[in-house]
Protein backbone atom coordinates (compact mmCIF):
# COMPACT_ATOMS: atom_id res chain seq x y z
CA MET A 1 -0.13 0.00 0.09
CA ARG A 2 1.07 3.27 -1.18
CA LEU A 3 1.83 6.13 1.83
CA ARG A 4 -0.22 8.63 -0.26
CA SER A 5 -3.35 6.24 0.37
CA LEU A 6 -2.92 7.42 3.90
CA VAL A 7 -4.33 10.37 3.75
CA ALA A 8 -7.80 9.06 1.82
CA VAL A 9 -8.51 8.51 5.70
CA GLY A 10 -9.42 12.15 6.76
CA THR A 11 -7.65 15.26 6.83
CA ALA A 12 -10.62 17.11 8.64
CA CYS A 13 -8.97 18.65 11.96
CA ALA A 14 -10.40 21.24 14.60
CA SER A 15 -8.14 22.94 16.71
CA PHE A 16 -8.81 24.96 20.16
CA LEU A 17 -5.89 27.74 19.17
CA THR A 18 -6.44 31.20 20.18
CA SER A 19 -4.83 34.22 19.59
CA GLY A 20 -2.82 34.17 22.86
CA LEU A 21 -1.39 30.75 21.90
CA LEU A 22 -0.22 32.18 18.69
CA ALA A 23 1.94 34.94 19.80
CA SER A 24 5.26 35.13 17.87
CA ALA A 25 7.69 34.93 20.38
CA ALA A 26 7.80 34.65 23.90
CA THR A 27 10.00 34.00 27.36
CA LEU A 28 10.24 31.00 29.35
CA GLU A 29 7.48 31.42 32.06
CA ALA A 30 7.44 28.45 34.61
CA GLN A 31 4.12 27.68 36.32
CA ALA A 32 3.09 25.86 39.46
CA ALA A 33 4.18 22.43 39.72
CA VAL A 34 1.48 20.14 40.00
CA ALA A 35 1.28 16.15 40.38
CA LEU A 36 -0.61 13.53 38.68
CA ARG A 37 -4.41 12.64 39.88
CA PRO A 38 -4.38 8.74 41.17
CA SER A 39 -4.09 6.04 38.66
CA ASP A 40 -8.00 4.91 37.52
CA ALA A 41 -6.45 1.85 35.44
CA ARG A 42 -3.71 -0.68 35.05
CA SER A 43 -2.42 -2.81 32.40
CA PRO A 44 -2.91 -6.56 32.68
CA GLU A 45 0.44 -7.34 31.51
CA ALA A 46 4.14 -6.22 31.62
CA PHE A 47 6.20 -4.92 28.89
CA ASN A 48 9.77 -4.66 27.82
CA ARG A 49 10.13 -0.93 26.70
CA ILE A 50 7.19 0.72 26.12
CA THR A 51 7.64 3.16 22.71
CA GLY A 52 4.57 4.38 21.80
CA VAL A 53 1.34 4.84 22.78
CA ARG A 54 -2.01 5.41 21.11
CA GLU A 55 -5.73 5.92 22.18
CA LEU A 56 -8.82 5.00 19.75
CA ALA A 57 -11.40 6.66 20.10
CA ASP A 58 -13.84 3.66 21.67
CA GLY A 59 -11.48 4.14 24.94
CA ARG A 60 -8.77 1.14 23.75
CA VAL A 61 -5.34 1.82 23.60
CA LEU A 62 -2.60 0.20 21.69
CA VAL A 63 0.92 -0.31 22.96
CA VAL A 64 4.22 -0.41 21.25
CA ASP A 65 6.66 -2.77 22.88
CA ALA A 66 10.28 -2.18 21.31
CA GLY A 67 11.83 -4.50 23.64
CA ASP A 68 9.90 -7.64 22.93
CA ALA A 69 8.86 -6.52 19.46
CA ARG A 70 5.32 -6.54 19.68
CA VAL A 71 2.41 -4.28 19.20
CA VAL A 72 0.00 -4.91 21.88
CA VAL A 73 -4.28 -3.86 22.35
CA ILE A 74 -5.43 -2.86 25.73
CA ASP A 75 -9.13 -2.69 27.25
CA PHE A 76 -8.55 -1.13 30.60
CA GLU A 77 -12.44 -1.16 31.14
CA GLY A 78 -12.19 -4.93 30.81
CA ASN A 79 -8.99 -5.97 32.08
CA GLN A 80 -7.93 -7.29 28.99
CA SER A 81 -5.33 -7.74 25.89
CA ARG A 82 -4.58 -8.98 22.79
CA THR A 83 -0.84 -8.95 20.88
CA ILE A 84 -1.61 -7.44 17.09
CA GLY A 85 0.30 -9.36 14.64
CA ARG A 86 3.13 -11.12 14.85
CA THR A 87 6.50 -11.17 14.19
CA GLY A 88 7.81 -12.11 10.76
CA SER A 89 8.59 -10.40 7.49
CA GLY A 90 5.03 -11.53 5.89
CA PRO A 91 1.92 -9.66 5.46
CA GLY A 92 0.46 -7.77 8.76
CA GLU A 93 3.91 -9.02 9.91
CA TYR A 94 6.95 -6.72 11.49
CA ARG A 95 10.30 -7.50 12.89
CA SER A 96 11.23 -4.18 15.14
CA PRO A 97 8.37 -1.82 16.05
CA ALA A 98 9.28 1.53 16.73
CA ARG A 99 7.08 4.32 16.87
CA LEU A 100 3.79 4.69 16.60
CA PHE A 101 1.72 8.12 15.17
CA ALA A 102 -1.92 8.86 15.06
CA LEU A 103 -3.36 9.25 11.78
CA ALA A 104 -7.27 10.92 11.22
CA ALA A 105 -10.50 8.63 10.81
CA ASP A 106 -8.52 6.48 14.08
CA SER A 107 -6.13 4.97 11.66
CA SER A 108 -2.65 5.30 12.76
CA LEU A 109 1.31 4.94 11.05
CA LEU A 110 3.40 1.96 12.63
CA THR A 111 7.00 2.48 12.30
CA GLU A 112 10.07 0.34 12.41
CA ASN A 113 13.89 1.41 12.75
CA GLY A 114 15.32 1.57 9.70
CA GLY A 115 12.54 -0.64 8.03
CA ARG A 116 8.68 -0.88 6.98
CA TRP A 117 5.86 1.25 7.90
CA PHE A 118 2.49 -0.36 8.90
CA LEU A 119 -0.98 1.59 8.04
CA MET A 120 -3.23 0.41 10.84
CA ALA A 121 -7.25 1.23 11.10
CA GLY A 122 -8.33 0.91 14.73
CA ASP A 123 -6.65 -2.07 16.30
CA SER A 124 -5.53 -4.14 12.76
CA ILE A 125 -2.79 -3.70 10.67
CA VAL A 126 -4.18 -3.22 6.94
CA GLY A 127 -1.54 -2.24 4.70
CA THR A 128 2.11 -2.15 4.27
CA VAL A 129 3.54 0.87 3.10
CA ARG A 130 5.83 -0.12 -0.17
CA GLY A 131 9.85 0.56 -0.56
CA ASP A 132 9.69 2.53 -3.35
CA ASP A 133 6.78 5.16 -1.58
CA ALA A 134 7.90 8.63 -2.36
CA VAL A 135 7.56 9.49 1.20
CA MET A 136 9.98 6.84 2.28
CA THR A 137 12.45 7.11 -0.24
CA ARG A 138 12.80 10.77 1.37
CA ALA A 139 13.03 9.82 4.98
CA PHE A 140 16.51 9.44 5.88
CA ALA A 141 17.13 5.88 6.77
CA ARG A 142 13.34 5.24 6.42
CA MET A 143 12.94 7.01 9.77
CA ALA A 144 9.95 8.93 10.77
CA LEU A 145 9.54 11.78 13.25
CA GLY A 146 5.64 11.66 13.32
CA ALA A 147 2.89 12.22 11.17
CA ASP A 148 -0.42 13.98 11.81
CA ALA A 149 -4.22 13.83 10.39
CA THR A 150 -3.73 16.56 7.46
CA GLY A 151 -0.87 14.57 5.30
CA GLY A 152 1.98 15.50 6.76
CA VAL A 153 5.26 13.36 7.78
CA LEU A 154 8.19 14.47 9.67
CA ALA A 155 11.09 13.13 8.58
CA LEU A 156 15.26 13.76 8.61
CA SER A 157 17.12 14.77 4.97
CA MET A 158 20.75 14.88 4.02
CA ALA A 159 21.10 15.65 1.38
CA ALA A 160 24.36 18.04 1.09
CA ALA A 161 23.64 21.19 -0.83
CA SER A 162 27.64 20.88 -2.36
CA GLY A 163 26.32 17.44 -4.13
CA ALA A 164 29.07 16.02 -2.16
CA LYS A 165 27.90 12.51 0.27
CA PRO A 166 26.30 13.54 3.44
CA SER A 167 28.15 12.79 6.71
CA PRO A 168 26.50 12.07 10.47
CA PHE A 169 28.74 15.40 11.27
CA ASP A 170 26.64 17.51 8.86
CA SER A 171 23.56 19.24 9.95
CA VAL A 172 20.45 18.08 8.97
CA SER A 173 17.21 19.23 8.05
CA LEU A 174 14.03 18.92 9.17
CA VAL A 175 11.52 18.07 6.65
CA ARG A 176 7.77 18.10 6.31
CA LEU A 177 6.71 15.30 3.49
CA SER A 178 3.70 15.49 2.00
CA ARG A 179 1.50 11.67 1.74
CA VAL A 180 -0.05 12.92 -1.07
CA ASP A 181 3.10 12.99 -3.70
CA GLY A 182 6.09 13.20 -1.51
CA ALA A 183 6.98 16.32 -1.89
CA ALA A 184 9.71 17.86 0.80
CA ARG A 185 9.14 21.31 2.44
CA THR A 186 12.39 22.13 4.96
CA LEU A 187 11.23 23.87 8.42
CA VAL A 188 14.63 24.06 10.10
CA THR A 189 18.07 22.72 9.99
CA LEU A 190 19.02 21.08 13.28
CA ARG A 191 21.99 19.32 14.70
CA PRO A 192 24.25 16.89 13.15
CA LEU A 193 23.28 12.96 14.52
CA MET A 194 26.61 12.45 15.85
CA SER A 195 29.56 14.69 17.22
CA ARG A 196 32.82 14.29 16.60
CA ARG A 197 33.81 14.27 19.77
CA ALA A 198 31.30 11.74 20.73
CA ALA A 199 32.84 8.99 17.74
CA GLY A 200 36.35 9.68 18.64
CA ALA A 201 35.48 8.34 22.00
CA ALA A 202 33.71 5.63 21.28
CA GLU A 203 36.18 4.04 18.50
CA ALA A 204 38.66 4.73 21.81
CA ARG A 205 36.74 2.86 23.78
CA ALA A 206 36.57 0.41 20.97
CA ALA A 207 39.83 -0.42 20.83
CA ALA A 208 41.42 -0.04 24.45
CA PRO A 209 42.22 -3.59 26.09
CA GLY A 210 40.21 -5.15 29.08
CA GLY A 211 37.34 -7.44 29.11
CA ALA A 212 33.86 -7.14 31.14
CA ALA A 213 35.19 -6.60 34.12
CA THR A 214 36.41 -2.87 32.80
CA LYS A 215 33.33 -2.56 30.41
CA ARG A 216 32.43 1.19 29.94
CA TYR A 217 29.31 2.80 28.57
CA ALA A 218 28.43 5.69 26.83
CA LEU A 219 25.68 8.03 27.46
CA PRO A 220 23.11 8.97 25.16
CA LEU A 221 23.42 12.64 25.07
CA ASP A 222 24.24 13.19 21.74
CA GLY A 223 22.85 13.23 18.41
CA THR A 224 20.04 15.56 16.87
CA ASP A 225 17.87 17.97 17.67
CA HIS A 226 13.81 15.93 18.93
CA ALA A 227 11.27 16.98 17.06
CA ALA A 228 7.51 16.29 17.45
CA ALA A 229 4.03 16.67 14.73
CA PHE A 230 0.69 17.33 16.39
CA CYS A 231 -2.45 15.78 14.08
CA ASP A 232 -3.14 19.71 13.06
CA GLY A 233 0.06 20.23 10.87
CA TRP A 234 1.75 21.78 13.52
CA THR A 235 5.71 20.97 14.62
CA ALA A 236 7.63 21.48 17.85
CA VAL A 237 11.52 20.88 17.69
CA ILE A 238 13.33 20.82 21.03
CA ARG A 239 16.92 22.22 20.53
CA ARG A 240 19.56 20.66 22.56
CA ASP A 241 22.01 23.15 23.17
CA PRO A 242 21.06 26.08 24.08
CA PHE A 243 17.86 24.45 25.51
CA GLY A 244 15.07 25.90 23.72
CA VAL A 245 11.18 25.00 22.30
CA GLU A 246 10.34 26.52 18.91
CA TRP A 247 6.66 26.37 17.53
CA PHE A 248 6.34 26.43 13.63
CA ASP A 249 2.67 26.21 12.27
CA ALA A 250 0.93 23.50 9.59
CA ALA A 251 2.25 26.46 7.08
CA GLY A 252 5.39 25.81 8.48
CA LYS A 253 6.03 29.53 9.80
CA LEU A 254 7.94 29.88 12.67
CA SER A 255 5.71 30.71 15.61
CA ALA A 256 6.62 31.16 18.91
CA ARG A 257 10.30 29.68 20.47
CA THR A 258 11.10 30.24 24.56
CA ALA A 259 14.52 32.52 24.93
CA PRO A 260 17.54 30.06 24.43
CA GLN A 261 18.41 28.38 27.86
CA PRO A 262 22.64 27.93 28.44
CA LEU A 263 23.38 24.40 29.90
CA ARG A 264 24.58 24.66 33.43
CA LYS A 265 27.76 22.80 34.06
CA LEU A 266 27.68 19.25 35.50
CA THR A 267 29.13 18.49 38.79
CA SER A 268 30.03 15.41 40.13
CA ALA A 269 26.95 15.58 42.40
CA ASP A 270 24.91 15.55 39.25
CA GLN A 271 26.16 11.91 38.21
CA ALA A 272 24.58 9.67 40.50
CA PRO A 273 21.11 10.98 39.91
CA LEU A 274 21.80 11.79 36.21
CA LEU A 275 22.49 8.03 36.25
CA ARG A 276 19.54 6.87 37.76
CA TRP A 277 17.14 8.84 35.25
CA MET A 278 18.53 7.83 32.41
CA SER A 279 18.67 3.92 33.40
CA SER A 280 15.26 4.51 34.32
CA HIS A 281 14.31 6.66 31.33
CA THR A 282 16.05 5.08 28.59
CA GLY A 283 17.43 1.75 29.51
CA TRP A 284 20.40 3.02 28.93
CA PRO A 285 22.98 2.53 30.37
CA PRO A 286 22.23 -1.05 32.69
CA THR A 287 24.63 0.04 35.82
CA ALA A 288 24.32 2.61 38.73
CA ASP A 289 27.85 3.05 39.60
CA VAL A 290 29.19 6.18 38.28
CA ARG A 291 32.54 4.95 37.59
CA ALA A 292 31.29 2.70 34.59
CA ILE A 293 30.63 5.57 32.55
CA ALA A 294 32.97 6.13 29.74
CA GLU A 295 32.73 10.09 29.76
CA TRP A 296 30.19 12.37 31.54
CA PRO A 297 29.34 15.62 29.80
CA THR A 298 30.66 18.72 30.53
CA HIS A 299 27.36 20.38 31.22
CA ALA A 300 23.83 18.79 32.29
CA PRO A 301 21.46 18.07 29.53
CA ARG A 302 18.10 19.25 29.48
CA VAL A 303 17.22 16.38 26.57
CA VAL A 304 18.59 13.09 25.94
CA GLY A 305 17.93 9.94 24.82
CA ASP A 306 15.30 9.12 21.68
CA ALA A 307 12.03 10.85 20.97
CA ASP A 308 10.46 9.21 23.39
CA ASN A 309 11.40 11.43 26.24
CA THR A 310 9.52 14.45 24.06
CA LEU A 311 5.98 13.87 23.56
CA ALA A 312 3.08 15.26 21.58
CA LEU A 313 0.06 15.43 23.63
CA ALA A 314 -3.58 15.24 22.72
CA ASN A 315 -4.24 18.67 24.26
CA GLY A 316 -1.82 20.22 21.61
CA MET A 317 1.18 20.97 24.21
CA LEU A 318 4.13 19.36 24.49
CA LEU A 319 6.20 17.62 27.02
CA VAL A 320 9.82 16.98 27.75
CA HIS A 321 11.24 14.58 30.53
CA GLU A 322 13.78 16.53 31.84
CA PRO A 323 16.81 14.54 33.31
CA SER A 324 17.42 14.64 36.79
CA THR A 325 20.74 16.44 38.56
CA ALA A 326 21.63 17.52 41.72
CA ALA A 327 20.23 20.79 41.64
CA MET A 328 16.98 19.62 40.27
CA PRO A 329 16.18 16.23 41.77
CA ARG A 330 12.47 15.22 41.37
CA ASN A 331 11.13 13.56 38.05
CA MET A 332 9.87 16.28 36.46
CA ALA A 333 8.47 16.53 32.66
CA ARG A 334 7.28 20.45 31.53
CA VAL A 335 4.49 21.03 29.38
CA TYR A 336 5.02 24.14 27.07
CA ALA A 337 2.01 25.99 25.58
CA ARG A 338 2.41 27.08 21.53
CA ASN A 339 3.13 30.46 22.50
CA GLY A 340 6.49 29.41 23.87
CA ARG A 341 5.75 29.98 27.80
CA VAL A 342 5.54 26.64 29.97
CA HIS A 343 2.37 25.69 30.89
CA THR A 344 2.65 23.27 33.97
CA GLN A 345 5.74 21.56 35.15
CA LEU A 346 4.28 17.87 36.49
CA THR A 347 5.94 16.26 39.04
CA LEU A 348 6.39 12.33 38.82
CA PRO A 349 7.81 9.66 40.69
CA ALA A 350 11.11 8.61 39.90
CA GLU A 351 10.15 5.34 38.01
CA TYR A 352 7.02 7.34 35.93
CA ARG A 353 7.62 8.55 32.46
CA VAL A 354 4.99 9.48 30.35
CA ALA A 355 4.18 7.30 27.09
CA GLY A 356 0.99 8.86 25.68
CA SER A 357 -1.84 11.09 25.78
CA GLY A 358 -5.66 11.01 25.07
CA PRO A 359 -9.01 12.11 25.56
CA GLY A 360 -8.98 9.05 28.43
CA GLY A 361 -5.91 10.90 30.54
CA PHE A 362 -1.88 10.19 30.66
CA TYR A 363 -0.55 6.81 30.09
CA ILE A 364 2.37 6.42 32.37
CA ALA A 365 4.99 3.56 31.78
CA VAL A 366 5.83 2.81 35.18
CA ARG A 367 9.33 0.87 35.72
CA GLN A 368 8.88 -2.04 38.20
CA ASP A 369 11.55 -3.84 40.43
CA ASP A 370 12.63 -6.29 37.45
CA GLY A 371 13.11 -3.41 35.15
CA ALA A 372 9.63 -4.49 32.96
CA GLU A 373 7.18 -1.46 32.66
CA ARG A 374 3.61 -1.51 33.44
CA LEU A 375 1.52 0.92 31.78
CA GLN A 376 -1.20 3.55 34.10
CA ARG A 377 -4.27 5.67 33.24
CA HIS A 378 -4.36 8.77 34.93
CA PRO A 379 -7.23 11.47 34.80
CA ALA A 380 -5.60 14.75 33.15
CA TRP A 381 -3.94 16.84 35.95
CA VAL A 382 -5.62 20.42 35.14
CA ALA A 383 -9.18 21.10 32.76
CA SER A 384 -7.85 22.84 29.80
CA PRO A 385 -8.89 23.32 26.12
CA SER A 386 -9.03 20.38 23.74
CA LEU A 387 -7.31 20.20 20.60
CA VAL A 388 -9.06 17.77 18.61
CA CYS A 389 -8.80 15.98 15.28
CA ALA A 390 -10.83 13.65 13.62
CA ASN A 391 -11.65 10.51 14.65
C-alpha cells in the first residue's frame, strides 16, 4: 500500500488555538508544579520497553513494546490485552516496531527502525507501505519522526547542498513530507546526528584493552535535536544546546519560541541522579555505577535519548521529560504551550515516564523492580482546552 493512500482516511482537524497561543515570541514562564492524579486503570500485563501509545476512539489503547518487538491493544475497562500481528516478514508482520503516530479517522502509522511502515485501522494492521513509496524514499534511513492527520510526515533529510556525500557529522534538515506525492518542505536545520567528539571517544573505547570487568558505557547524550508532530500539522522542535522549544504552524512558519537557555555545568554531584534517571527513562546504560561511564559531559543535559522523552500531547501542547540532577533531583516533565511558555511543571515519582495521552488522560510507563514496565492511565491533572482532530 502506498503511503499517499493514507491521506484518504480523512484530513479534517479542529483546533482550540486562540490568538494568545499564536504569539510570535515569548520568554520562558514557569508555572507552579502539579502532581498526577491517582491512576484509574492499569495494564493487565507487563512490557519490556514502551515506545508508543495511541488511544483509540473507543478508549482502548495501542501499545508498542520495542523491547519485546510486539504491538498490543489494551482494554482497560475489561482488563484485557491482545497482541496484534506477529514477528516476521510477511503481510501484517513486523520485525522491530518502534513508533506509533496518530492519523485521521482512528488510523495510525506504525514504523520500524529503518524498516517498513504499516497502516493501522483501529486495532488492525491493514497495509504495508511499499519501500518505493515517495515519502519513504525521501526520509533518511526510512525513519519517520512524526505524522499528522492533515497529510504530513516529519523526517530528516541528509542531502548535502554541495552534492557531496553527506555524513553523520553534517547538519541535517527537518522536512515535512506530503503523503499525497512525497513533496518535501524544509522547516529548519538541526544539529548533526553525531558529534566528532562522541565518535572519537567511541573509537577509543572500542580499541581499549580489557574484558567485562573494565566495561565502560557511553551516555546517549549526543545526536540531533528532537521534533514532535501534532495532528493539526503543527511541529515543535526541541533544541539540545542551548535548550529551547520552537513552534512551527501548519504552513511551516515559525510561530513562537522560548528564550534559548544555556546548559549549566555538570558537577560530580549530578552524576548519580542523572545516571539513575537515564537508566529508568531511556533503558541505558544498565548500571548505577558512575565509575562505569566512559565519559561524562561537561554540561547538564536538558533533553537526552531518543524521541520518546519528548511527547506531542493530545491537547496540542508539548511535554519534555527533563533529566534529574543534583540541582533538580525530582522527576519532572515540563509542558509547553504554543506561545513558547511553560504551561505546567508536572512532578512524577522517580519510576514514572509519560508515554502517551488522549481524551482518557495520561498513559504512564511505570518501571518495576525487575526492570519491566506497566502502563497506567491517569486522569488529566488540570482542565485545559483540547486539540481535537478527526477520529
